[in-house]
C-alpha atoms as a PDB file:
ATOM      1  CA  MET A   1       0.501  18.453   7.635  1.00  0.00           C
ATOM      2  CA  TYR A   2      -0.485  15.714   9.214  1.00  0.00           C
ATOM      3  CA  ASP A   3       1.300  13.509  11.680  1.00  0.00           C
ATOM      4  CA  THR A   4       0.847   9.947  10.458  1.00  0.00           C
ATOM      5  CA  GLY A   5      -0.948   8.954   7.130  1.00  0.00           C
ATOM      6  CA  VAL A   6      -1.764   5.491   5.300  1.00  0.00           C
ATOM      7  CA  VAL A   7      -1.021   4.647   1.585  1.00  0.00           C
ATOM      8  CA  HIS A   8      -1.886   1.193   0.425  1.00  0.00           C
ATOM      9  CA  GLY A   9      -1.731  -0.823  -2.485  1.00  0.00           C
ATOM     10  CA  ARG A  10      -0.895  -4.306  -4.294  1.00  0.00           C
ATOM     11  CA  PHE A  11       2.701  -2.768  -5.659  1.00  0.00           C
ATOM     12  CA  GLN A  12       3.061  -6.278  -7.641  1.00  0.00           C
ATOM     13  CA  ILE A  13       5.024  -3.989  -9.387  1.00  0.00           C
ATOM     14  CA  PHE A  14       6.005  -0.870  -7.383  1.00  0.00           C
ATOM     15  CA  HIS A  15       6.093   1.239 -10.589  1.00  0.00           C
ATOM     16  CA  ASN A  16       6.040   5.252 -11.382  1.00  0.00           C
ATOM     17  CA  ASP A  17       2.666   5.890 -10.792  1.00  0.00           C
ATOM     18  CA  HIS A  18       2.839   4.451  -7.449  1.00  0.00           C
ATOM     19  CA  LEU A  19       5.745   6.685  -6.092  1.00  0.00           C
ATOM     20  CA  ASP A  20       3.981   9.523  -7.590  1.00  0.00           C
ATOM     21  CA  TYR A  21       1.566   8.432  -5.161  1.00  0.00           C
ATOM     22  CA  VAL A  22       3.511   7.770  -2.320  1.00  0.00           C
ATOM     23  CA  LEU A  23       5.625  11.098  -2.980  1.00  0.00           C
ATOM     24  CA  ALA A  24       2.191  13.407  -2.934  1.00  0.00           C
ATOM     25  CA  ALA A  25       0.921  11.377   0.145  1.00  0.00           C
ATOM     26  CA  LYS A  26       4.028  11.861   1.931  1.00  0.00           C
ATOM     27  CA  ALA A  27       4.485  15.788   1.198  1.00  0.00           C
ATOM     28  CA  LYS A  28       1.218  15.734   3.242  1.00  0.00           C
ATOM     29  CA  CYS A  29       2.572  13.583   6.497  1.00  0.00           C
ATOM     30  CA  ARG A  30       5.308  13.491   8.781  1.00  0.00           C
ATOM     31  CA  HIS A  31       4.799   9.827   9.008  1.00  0.00           C
ATOM     32  CA  LEU A  32       3.670   7.446   6.073  1.00  0.00           C
ATOM     33  CA  ILE A  33       2.504   4.159   6.399  1.00  0.00           C
ATOM     34  CA  VAL A  34       2.845   2.254   3.202  1.00  0.00           C
ATOM     35  CA  GLY A  35       0.144  -0.547   3.615  1.00  0.00           C
ATOM     36  CA  ILE A  36       0.842  -3.800   1.145  1.00  0.00           C
ATOM     37  CA  THR A  37      -2.388  -5.155   0.800  1.00  0.00           C
ATOM     38  CA  ASN A  38      -3.114  -8.800  -0.755  1.00  0.00           C
ATOM     39  CA  PRO A  39      -0.286  -9.708   1.962  1.00  0.00           C
ATOM     40  CA  ASP A  40      -1.022 -13.488   1.972  1.00  0.00           C
ATOM     41  CA  PRO A  41      -3.581 -14.733   0.326  1.00  0.00           C
ATOM     42  CA  SER A  42      -5.265 -16.557   3.273  1.00  0.00           C
ATOM     43  CA  LEU A  43      -5.924 -13.023   3.831  1.00  0.00           C
ATOM     44  CA  THR A  44      -7.051 -12.121   0.305  1.00  0.00           C
ATOM     45  CA  ARG A  45     -10.841 -12.196  -0.991  1.00  0.00           C
ATOM     46  CA  PRO A  46     -12.407 -11.158  -4.040  1.00  0.00           C
ATOM     47  CA  GLU A  47     -14.175  -7.789  -4.887  1.00  0.00           C
ATOM     48  CA  GLN A  48     -16.518  -7.531  -6.729  1.00  0.00           C
ATOM     49  CA  ALA A  49     -15.616  -3.724  -8.269  1.00  0.00           C
ATOM     50  CA  ASP A  50     -11.844  -5.324  -9.066  1.00  0.00           C
ATOM     51  CA  PRO A  51     -12.997  -9.016  -9.985  1.00  0.00           C
ATOM     52  CA  GLU A  52      -9.005  -9.771 -10.789  1.00  0.00           C
ATOM     53  CA  ARG A  53      -6.998  -8.535  -8.267  1.00  0.00           C
ATOM     54  CA  HIS A  54      -6.894 -11.532  -5.877  1.00  0.00           C
ATOM     55  CA  SER A  55      -6.283 -13.845  -8.416  1.00  0.00           C
ATOM     56  CA  GLN A  56      -2.495 -15.653  -8.420  1.00  0.00           C
ATOM     57  CA  GLN A  57      -1.018 -13.919 -11.944  1.00  0.00           C
ATOM     58  CA  ALA A  58      -2.334 -10.821 -10.080  1.00  0.00           C
ATOM     59  CA  ASN A  59       0.176 -11.500  -7.266  1.00  0.00           C
ATOM     60  CA  PRO A  60       3.080 -12.981  -8.378  1.00  0.00           C
ATOM     61  CA  LEU A  61       5.217 -11.224  -5.771  1.00  0.00           C
ATOM     62  CA  THR A  62       5.486 -12.600  -2.030  1.00  0.00           C
ATOM     63  CA  TYR A  63       5.014  -9.626   0.494  1.00  0.00           C
ATOM     64  CA  PHE A  64       8.418  -9.876   1.368  1.00  0.00           C
ATOM     65  CA  GLU A  65       9.194  -9.177  -2.148  1.00  0.00           C
ATOM     66  CA  ARG A  66       7.067  -6.264  -1.989  1.00  0.00           C
ATOM     67  CA  TYR A  67       8.955  -4.937   1.307  1.00  0.00           C
ATOM     68  CA  THR A  68      11.864  -4.954   0.136  1.00  0.00           C
ATOM     69  CA  MET A  69      10.932  -3.654  -2.718  1.00  0.00           C
ATOM     70  CA  VAL A  70       8.991  -0.880  -1.462  1.00  0.00           C
ATOM     71  CA  ARG A  71      11.390  -0.002   0.900  1.00  0.00           C
ATOM     72  CA  ALA A  72      14.545   0.046  -1.799  1.00  0.00           C
ATOM     73  CA  VAL A  73      12.133   2.426  -3.905  1.00  0.00           C
ATOM     74  CA  LEU A  74      11.878   4.804  -1.093  1.00  0.00           C
ATOM     75  CA  THR A  75      14.973   5.318   0.383  1.00  0.00           C
ATOM     76  CA  GLU A  76      16.193   5.792  -3.372  1.00  0.00           C
ATOM     77  CA  ALA A  77      13.565   8.350  -3.596  1.00  0.00           C
ATOM     78  CA  GLY A  78      15.203   9.881  -0.846  1.00  0.00           C
ATOM     79  CA  ILE A  79      12.487   9.492   2.153  1.00  0.00           C
ATOM     80  CA  PRO A  80      14.868   8.666   5.198  1.00  0.00           C
ATOM     81  CA  GLU A  81      13.650   5.522   6.743  1.00  0.00           C
ATOM     82  CA  LYS A  82      12.698   7.168   9.786  1.00  0.00           C
ATOM     83  CA  ASP A  83       9.903   8.957   7.816  1.00  0.00           C
ATOM     84  CA  PHE A  84       8.026   5.751   6.974  1.00  0.00           C
ATOM     85  CA  SER A  85       7.064   2.607   7.367  1.00  0.00           C
ATOM     86  CA  VAL A  86       6.017  -0.840   5.321  1.00  0.00           C
ATOM     87  CA  VAL A  87       3.579  -3.279   6.738  1.00  0.00           C
ATOM     88  CA  PRO A  88       0.456  -5.769   5.705  1.00  0.00           C
ATOM     89  CA  LEU A  89      -3.055  -4.269   5.027  1.00  0.00           C
ATOM     90  CA  PRO A  90      -5.195  -7.180   4.122  1.00  0.00           C
ATOM     91  CA  ILE A  91      -7.059  -4.214   2.182  1.00  0.00           C
ATOM     92  CA  ASN A  92     -10.412  -7.073   1.929  1.00  0.00           C
ATOM     93  CA  LEU A  93     -10.591  -7.199   5.583  1.00  0.00           C
ATOM     94  CA  PRO A  94     -10.942  -3.947   7.220  1.00  0.00           C
ATOM     95  CA  ASP A  95     -11.818  -5.732  10.660  1.00  0.00           C
ATOM     96  CA  LEU A  96      -8.589  -6.162  10.962  1.00  0.00           C
ATOM     97  CA  PHE A  97      -7.302  -2.438   9.694  1.00  0.00           C
ATOM     98  CA  ARG A  98      -6.361  -1.929  13.754  1.00  0.00           C
ATOM     99  CA  PHE A  99      -3.400  -4.292  14.245  1.00  0.00           C
ATOM    100  CA  TYR A 100      -1.552  -3.058  11.160  1.00  0.00           C
ATOM    101  CA  VAL A 101      -1.921   0.939  11.209  1.00  0.00           C
ATOM    102  CA  PRO A 102      -3.226   3.197  13.480  1.00  0.00           C
ATOM    103  CA  LEU A 103      -7.224   4.250  12.674  1.00  0.00           C
ATOM    104  CA  ASP A 104      -6.713   7.881  14.027  1.00  0.00           C
ATOM    105  CA  ALA A 105      -4.062   8.173  10.584  1.00  0.00           C
ATOM    106  CA  VAL A 106      -5.474   9.484   7.142  1.00  0.00           C
ATOM    107  CA  PHE A 107      -5.988   7.392   4.675  1.00  0.00           C
ATOM    108  CA  PHE A 108      -4.902   8.693   1.290  1.00  0.00           C
ATOM    109  CA  LEU A 109      -6.714   7.265  -1.585  1.00  0.00           C
ATOM    110  CA  THR A 110      -6.157   8.130  -5.702  1.00  0.00           C
ATOM    111  CA  ILE A 111      -9.457   7.502  -7.526  1.00  0.00           C
ATOM    112  CA  TYR A 112      -9.190   5.862 -10.942  1.00  0.00           C
ATOM    113  CA  ASP A 113     -12.652   3.844 -11.043  1.00  0.00           C
ATOM    114  CA  GLU A 114     -15.429   1.850  -8.696  1.00  0.00           C
ATOM    115  CA  TRP A 115     -12.794  -0.057  -7.021  1.00  0.00           C
ATOM    116  CA  GLY A 116     -11.051   3.039  -5.522  1.00  0.00           C
ATOM    117  CA  ARG A 117     -14.455   4.477  -4.998  1.00  0.00           C
ATOM    118  CA  SER A 118     -15.560   1.252  -3.510  1.00  0.00           C
ATOM    119  CA  LYS A 119     -12.353   1.931  -0.944  1.00  0.00           C
ATOM    120  CA  LEU A 120     -13.410   5.477  -0.407  1.00  0.00           C
ATOM    121  CA  ALA A 121     -16.808   4.522   0.862  1.00  0.00           C
ATOM    122  CA  ARG A 122     -14.988   0.977   3.077  1.00  0.00           C
ATOM    123  CA  PHE A 123     -12.921   3.474   4.703  1.00  0.00           C
ATOM    124  CA  GLN A 124     -15.609   6.360   4.755  1.00  0.00           C
ATOM    125  CA  ASN A 125     -18.043   3.758   6.325  1.00  0.00           C
ATOM    126  CA  MET A 126     -15.245   2.348   9.383  1.00  0.00           C
ATOM    127  CA  GLY A 127     -14.898   6.212  10.278  1.00  0.00           C
ATOM    128  CA  LEU A 128     -11.364   6.197   9.173  1.00  0.00           C
ATOM    129  CA  LYS A 129     -10.499  10.508   8.178  1.00  0.00           C
ATOM    130  CA  THR A 130      -9.785  10.003   4.092  1.00  0.00           C
ATOM    131  CA  HIS A 131      -8.045  12.151   1.710  1.00  0.00           C
ATOM    132  CA  VAL A 132      -8.606  11.648  -1.838  1.00  0.00           C
ATOM    133  CA  LEU A 133      -5.156  13.199  -3.684  1.00  0.00           C
ATOM    134  CA  TRP A 134      -6.671  13.139  -6.768  1.00  0.00           C
ATOM    135  CA  GLU A 135      -9.281  11.732  -8.658  1.00  0.00           C
ATOM    136  CA  LYS A 136      -9.350  10.893 -12.655  1.00  0.00           C
ATOM    137  CA  ALA A 137     -10.859   9.190 -15.453  1.00  0.00           C
ATOM    138  CA  PRO A 138      -9.700   5.581 -15.465  1.00  0.00           C
ATOM    139  CA  ASP A 139      -8.064   6.135 -18.897  1.00  0.00           C
ATOM    140  CA  ALA A 140      -5.743   9.210 -17.154  1.00  0.00           C
ATOM    141  CA  LYS A 141      -4.048   5.742 -15.343  1.00  0.00           C
ATOM    142  CA  LYS A 142      -0.833   6.148 -17.300  1.00  0.00           C
ATOM    143  CA  ILE A 143       0.188   2.703 -15.883  1.00  0.00           C
ATOM    144  CA  THR A 144      -0.844  -0.625 -14.605  1.00  0.00           C
ATOM    145  CA  GLY A 145       0.879  -3.527 -12.644  1.00  0.00           C
ATOM    146  CA  HIS A 146      -1.263  -5.323 -15.171  1.00  0.00           C
ATOM    147  CA  GLU A 147       0.988  -3.897 -18.042  1.00  0.00           C
ATOM    148  CA  ILE A 148       3.888  -4.163 -16.011  1.00  0.00           C
ATOM    149  CA  ARG A 149       3.842  -7.951 -15.201  1.00  0.00           C
ATOM    150  CA  ARG A 150       3.221  -8.657 -19.001  1.00  0.00           C
ATOM    151  CA  ARG A 151       6.155  -6.980 -20.450  1.00  0.00           C
ATOM    152  CA  ILE A 152       7.654  -8.708 -18.007  1.00  0.00           C
ATOM    153  CA  ALA A 153       6.694 -11.736 -19.471  1.00  0.00           C
ATOM    154  CA  GLU A 154       7.175 -11.040 -23.140  1.00  0.00           C
ATOM    155  CA  GLY A 155      11.241 -10.046 -22.134  1.00  0.00           C
ATOM    156  CA  LEU A 156       9.407  -6.556 -23.598  1.00  0.00           C
ATOM    157  CA  PRO A 157      11.408  -2.990 -22.155  1.00  0.00           C
ATOM    158  CA  CYS A 158       9.833  -1.772 -18.265  1.00  0.00           C
ATOM    159  CA  ASP A 159      12.944   0.047 -16.976  1.00  0.00           C
ATOM    160  CA  HIS A 160      11.313   3.139 -18.202  1.00  0.00           C
ATOM    161  CA  LEU A 161       8.182   2.441 -16.179  1.00  0.00           C
ATOM    162  CA  VAL A 162       9.353   1.143 -12.750  1.00  0.00           C
ATOM    163  CA  PRO A 163      12.105   3.344 -10.289  1.00  0.00           C
ATOM    164  CA  PRO A 164      15.560   2.059 -11.002  1.00  0.00           C
ATOM    165  CA  ALA A 165      15.437   0.231  -7.498  1.00  0.00           C
ATOM    166  CA  ALA A 166      12.523  -1.733  -8.394  1.00  0.00           C
ATOM    167  CA  ALA A 167      13.728  -2.445 -11.973  1.00  0.00           C
ATOM    168  CA  ALA A 168      17.065  -3.985 -10.356  1.00  0.00           C
ATOM    169  CA  LEU A 169      15.544  -6.014  -8.446  1.00  0.00           C
ATOM    170  CA  VAL A 170      13.128  -7.477 -11.050  1.00  0.00           C
ATOM    171  CA  ARG A 171      16.466  -9.096 -12.667  1.00  0.00           C
ATOM    172  CA  LEU A 172      17.679  -9.417  -9.360  1.00  0.00           C
ATOM    173  CA  TRP A 173      14.726 -12.361  -8.615  1.00  0.00           C
ATOM    174  CA  ASN A 174      14.479 -12.958 -12.849  1.00  0.00           C
ATOM    175  CA  LEU A 175      10.911 -12.344 -12.700  1.00  0.00           C
ATOM    176  CA  ASN A 176      10.621 -12.585 -16.475  1.00  0.00           C
ATOM    177  CA  ALA A 177      11.138 -15.889 -15.656  1.00  0.00           C
ATOM    178  CA  ARG A 178       8.493 -16.715 -12.733  1.00  0.00           C
ATOM    179  CA  LEU A 179       6.033 -14.495 -15.061  1.00  0.00           C
ATOM    180  CA  ARG A 180       6.597 -15.965 -18.117  1.00  0.00           C
ATOM    181  CA  PRO A 181       3.955 -18.724 -19.051  1.00  0.00           C
ATOM    182  CA  GLU A 182       4.185 -22.261 -19.139  1.00  0.00           C
ATOM    183  CA  THR A 183       4.307 -23.793 -22.513  1.00  0.00           C
END
């Protein structure tokens, strides 16, 4: 059991696979810090290993919306608020990590592709303690934010892919109107 752990993700939209990742990490630490990547367009850079992750279409929710969604989902999942924190984490600017998370924490990752391997190498090169929760082939990834955003934009059902608290916020914020392509 670690004292403090860090997970990270864009969480555009927080889905059931994100929840599995976060819960697996929380089971291994007393306090979990959830770092929201791409918190601000000025802190977002292109990544060769994942060339679309910086685009506006891939980042429709604001940091505050994602912060609200993550907190709602985790409390709904039964994690006491005292046992987790939600912070920005500009994944593209590792020199700034020290301003957002304790660098002596363990950084939990899941790996499905080159982007996951790239982040692991980045964290290890920074001297951070890492723990890979699992590594799987890309086709083992059951849910993607891209697919959920597409389904929302097209008015297709996606409640079965996201935790109930996330689904409620998608409706409250009328995300289908925001994600629908302009004609």
